[in-house]
């Protein structure tokens, strides 16, 4: 399995980004519940909090949709 990163970051709308972050928060909540190791449980709980906090701001911050692929190429 390759560990390659995409050339450009994934772009989501504010609502789609919020939904993604809340799904990730829920994943970490479940992982924390199922975890027997206190240290790992604490990490999952903290990640859940961070995803929830980021989701709260996802709607307020929208990527500039006018920034085209050509603009990205010129910027690099």
N, C-alpha and C. Protein backbone atom coordinates (compact mmCIF):
# COMPACT_ATOMS: atom_id res chain seq x y z
N UNK A 1 0.84 -1.18 0.00
CA UNK A 1 0.00 0.00 0.00
C UNK A 1 0.88 1.24 0.00
N UNK A 2 0.63 2.13 -0.91
CA UNK A 2 1.43 3.34 -1.05
C UNK A 2 1.01 4.38 -0.02
N UNK A 3 1.97 5.13 0.45
CA UNK A 3 1.70 6.18 1.42
C UNK A 3 1.89 7.54 0.76
N UNK A 4 1.40 7.68 -0.47
CA UNK A 4 1.57 8.92 -1.21
C UNK A 4 0.49 9.93 -0.81
N UNK A 5 0.88 11.19 -0.84
CA UNK A 5 -0.04 12.27 -0.54
C UNK A 5 -0.50 12.90 -1.85
N UNK A 6 -1.76 13.34 -1.90
CA UNK A 6 -2.21 14.02 -3.12
C UNK A 6 -1.43 15.32 -3.33
N UNK A 7 -1.36 15.75 -4.58
CA UNK A 7 -0.65 16.99 -4.89
C UNK A 7 -1.32 18.21 -4.28
N UNK A 8 -2.63 18.18 -4.15
CA UNK A 8 -3.34 19.31 -3.58
C UNK A 8 -4.27 18.81 -2.48
N UNK A 9 -4.54 19.67 -1.50
CA UNK A 9 -5.41 19.26 -0.40
C UNK A 9 -6.84 19.05 -0.87
N UNK A 10 -7.58 18.24 -0.13
CA UNK A 10 -8.99 18.01 -0.44
C UNK A 10 -9.75 19.28 -0.13
N UNK A 11 -10.58 19.70 -1.06
CA UNK A 11 -11.40 20.90 -0.87
C UNK A 11 -12.84 20.48 -0.60
N UNK A 12 -13.41 20.95 0.50
CA UNK A 12 -14.81 20.68 0.83
C UNK A 12 -15.49 22.00 1.13
N UNK A 13 -16.78 22.05 0.91
CA UNK A 13 -17.54 23.23 1.30
C UNK A 13 -17.59 23.29 2.82
N UNK A 14 -18.02 24.42 3.37
CA UNK A 14 -18.10 24.56 4.82
C UNK A 14 -18.96 23.49 5.46
N UNK A 15 -20.13 23.20 4.86
CA UNK A 15 -21.04 22.20 5.42
C UNK A 15 -20.44 20.80 5.29
N UNK A 16 -19.82 20.50 4.16
CA UNK A 16 -19.22 19.18 3.96
C UNK A 16 -18.03 18.98 4.91
N UNK A 17 -17.26 20.03 5.11
CA UNK A 17 -16.11 19.95 6.03
C UNK A 17 -16.61 19.71 7.46
N UNK A 18 -17.66 20.43 7.85
CA UNK A 18 -18.23 20.25 9.18
C UNK A 18 -18.72 18.82 9.37
N UNK A 19 -19.44 18.29 8.39
CA UNK A 19 -19.94 16.91 8.48
C UNK A 19 -18.79 15.92 8.60
N UNK A 20 -17.74 16.11 7.81
CA UNK A 20 -16.57 15.23 7.87
C UNK A 20 -15.95 15.27 9.27
N UNK A 21 -15.75 16.47 9.80
CA UNK A 21 -15.12 16.62 11.11
C UNK A 21 -15.97 15.99 12.21
N UNK A 22 -17.28 16.14 12.12
CA UNK A 22 -18.16 15.53 13.12
C UNK A 22 -18.16 14.00 13.02
N UNK A 23 -18.04 13.47 11.81
CA UNK A 23 -17.91 12.01 11.65
C UNK A 23 -16.63 11.52 12.30
N UNK A 24 -15.53 12.25 12.07
CA UNK A 24 -14.25 11.88 12.68
C UNK A 24 -14.34 11.96 14.22
N UNK A 25 -15.01 12.99 14.74
CA UNK A 25 -15.18 13.12 16.19
C UNK A 25 -15.95 11.92 16.73
N UNK A 26 -16.99 11.51 16.03
CA UNK A 26 -17.78 10.35 16.45
C UNK A 26 -16.93 9.07 16.40
N UNK A 27 -16.11 8.93 15.38
CA UNK A 27 -15.21 7.78 15.29
C UNK A 27 -14.31 7.71 16.53
N UNK A 28 -13.75 8.83 16.93
CA UNK A 28 -12.85 8.85 18.08
C UNK A 28 -13.61 8.65 19.40
N UNK A 29 -14.85 9.08 19.45
CA UNK A 29 -15.67 8.82 20.64
C UNK A 29 -15.85 7.31 20.81
N UNK A 30 -16.19 6.63 19.70
CA UNK A 30 -16.38 5.18 19.74
C UNK A 30 -15.07 4.46 20.08
N UNK A 31 -13.98 4.91 19.48
CA UNK A 31 -12.68 4.29 19.76
C UNK A 31 -12.31 4.45 21.24
N UNK A 32 -12.59 5.61 21.81
CA UNK A 32 -12.31 5.84 23.23
C UNK A 32 -13.14 4.92 24.10
N UNK A 33 -14.42 4.74 23.74
CA UNK A 33 -15.29 3.85 24.51
C UNK A 33 -14.78 2.42 24.52
N UNK A 34 -14.26 1.97 23.37
CA UNK A 34 -13.82 0.59 23.21
C UNK A 34 -12.40 0.34 23.69
N UNK A 35 -11.70 1.38 24.10
CA UNK A 35 -10.29 1.28 24.43
C UNK A 35 -10.09 0.88 25.90
N UNK A 36 -9.25 -0.11 26.12
CA UNK A 36 -8.92 -0.55 27.48
C UNK A 36 -7.72 0.20 28.05
N UNK A 37 -6.88 0.72 27.19
CA UNK A 37 -5.66 1.42 27.59
C UNK A 37 -5.99 2.88 27.93
N UNK A 38 -5.75 3.32 29.18
CA UNK A 38 -6.10 4.69 29.57
C UNK A 38 -5.40 5.77 28.73
N UNK A 39 -4.14 5.55 28.38
CA UNK A 39 -3.43 6.55 27.58
C UNK A 39 -4.03 6.71 26.20
N UNK A 40 -4.33 5.59 25.55
CA UNK A 40 -4.94 5.63 24.22
C UNK A 40 -6.35 6.22 24.30
N UNK A 41 -7.10 5.88 25.35
CA UNK A 41 -8.44 6.43 25.53
C UNK A 41 -8.37 7.96 25.63
N UNK A 42 -7.39 8.45 26.39
CA UNK A 42 -7.22 9.90 26.53
C UNK A 42 -6.90 10.58 25.20
N UNK A 43 -6.09 9.92 24.39
CA UNK A 43 -5.76 10.48 23.07
C UNK A 43 -7.02 10.56 22.21
N UNK A 44 -7.82 9.49 22.19
CA UNK A 44 -9.05 9.50 21.39
C UNK A 44 -10.04 10.55 21.90
N UNK A 45 -10.12 10.71 23.20
CA UNK A 45 -11.01 11.74 23.75
C UNK A 45 -10.55 13.14 23.34
N UNK A 46 -9.25 13.35 23.38
CA UNK A 46 -8.71 14.66 22.99
C UNK A 46 -8.92 14.92 21.51
N UNK A 47 -8.70 13.90 20.67
CA UNK A 47 -8.94 14.07 19.24
C UNK A 47 -10.41 14.38 18.98
N UNK A 48 -11.31 13.72 19.71
CA UNK A 48 -12.74 14.02 19.56
C UNK A 48 -13.01 15.49 19.87
N UNK A 49 -12.44 15.99 20.95
CA UNK A 49 -12.64 17.39 21.32
C UNK A 49 -12.10 18.33 20.24
N UNK A 50 -10.93 18.01 19.71
CA UNK A 50 -10.33 18.87 18.68
C UNK A 50 -11.16 18.87 17.39
N UNK A 51 -11.64 17.69 16.98
CA UNK A 51 -12.48 17.63 15.79
C UNK A 51 -13.79 18.41 16.00
N UNK A 52 -14.38 18.28 17.18
CA UNK A 52 -15.62 19.02 17.46
C UNK A 52 -15.38 20.52 17.45
N UNK A 53 -14.28 20.95 18.04
CA UNK A 53 -13.96 22.38 18.06
C UNK A 53 -13.73 22.91 16.64
N UNK A 54 -13.02 22.14 15.84
CA UNK A 54 -12.77 22.57 14.46
C UNK A 54 -14.06 22.60 13.65
N UNK A 55 -14.95 21.63 13.91
CA UNK A 55 -16.24 21.59 13.20
C UNK A 55 -17.08 22.82 13.52
N UNK A 56 -16.95 23.33 14.73
CA UNK A 56 -17.73 24.52 15.12
C UNK A 56 -17.35 25.73 14.27
N UNK A 57 -16.12 25.77 13.75
CA UNK A 57 -15.66 26.89 12.95
C UNK A 57 -15.70 26.62 11.45
N UNK A 58 -15.99 25.39 11.05
CA UNK A 58 -15.93 25.03 9.63
C UNK A 58 -16.93 25.81 8.80
N UNK A 59 -18.07 26.11 9.33
CA UNK A 59 -19.10 26.85 8.58
C UNK A 59 -18.68 28.30 8.39
N UNK A 60 -17.94 28.85 9.35
CA UNK A 60 -17.55 30.26 9.28
C UNK A 60 -16.46 30.52 8.26
N UNK A 61 -15.63 29.54 7.98
CA UNK A 61 -14.48 29.73 7.09
C UNK A 61 -14.72 28.95 5.81
N UNK A 62 -14.81 29.66 4.70
CA UNK A 62 -15.02 29.03 3.40
C UNK A 62 -13.79 29.27 2.54
N UNK A 63 -13.34 28.24 1.83
CA UNK A 63 -12.21 28.48 0.93
C UNK A 63 -12.64 29.42 -0.20
N UNK A 64 -11.70 30.18 -0.70
CA UNK A 64 -11.98 31.11 -1.80
C UNK A 64 -12.23 30.30 -3.06
N UNK A 65 -13.48 30.23 -3.49
CA UNK A 65 -13.84 29.43 -4.64
C UNK A 65 -13.33 30.02 -5.94
N UNK A 66 -12.93 31.29 -5.94
CA UNK A 66 -12.43 31.91 -7.16
C UNK A 66 -10.95 31.56 -7.40
N UNK A 67 -10.32 30.92 -6.43
CA UNK A 67 -8.92 30.53 -6.56
C UNK A 67 -8.87 29.28 -7.43
N UNK A 68 -8.54 29.44 -8.68
CA UNK A 68 -8.60 28.36 -9.66
C UNK A 68 -7.32 27.53 -9.68
N UNK A 69 -7.33 26.48 -10.45
CA UNK A 69 -6.15 25.63 -10.62
C UNK A 69 -4.99 26.44 -11.20
N UNK A 70 -5.29 27.33 -12.15
CA UNK A 70 -4.22 28.16 -12.74
C UNK A 70 -3.62 29.07 -11.67
N UNK A 71 -4.46 29.62 -10.80
CA UNK A 71 -3.95 30.45 -9.72
C UNK A 71 -3.04 29.64 -8.80
N UNK A 72 -3.42 28.39 -8.51
CA UNK A 72 -2.60 27.53 -7.67
C UNK A 72 -1.26 27.25 -8.31
N UNK A 73 -1.26 27.01 -9.63
CA UNK A 73 -0.02 26.74 -10.35
C UNK A 73 0.89 27.96 -10.34
N UNK A 74 0.31 29.14 -10.52
CA UNK A 74 1.11 30.38 -10.49
C UNK A 74 1.70 30.63 -9.11
N UNK A 75 0.96 30.25 -8.08
CA UNK A 75 1.41 30.50 -6.71
C UNK A 75 2.56 29.57 -6.31
N UNK A 76 2.69 28.43 -7.00
CA UNK A 76 3.76 27.50 -6.60
C UNK A 76 5.03 27.70 -7.35
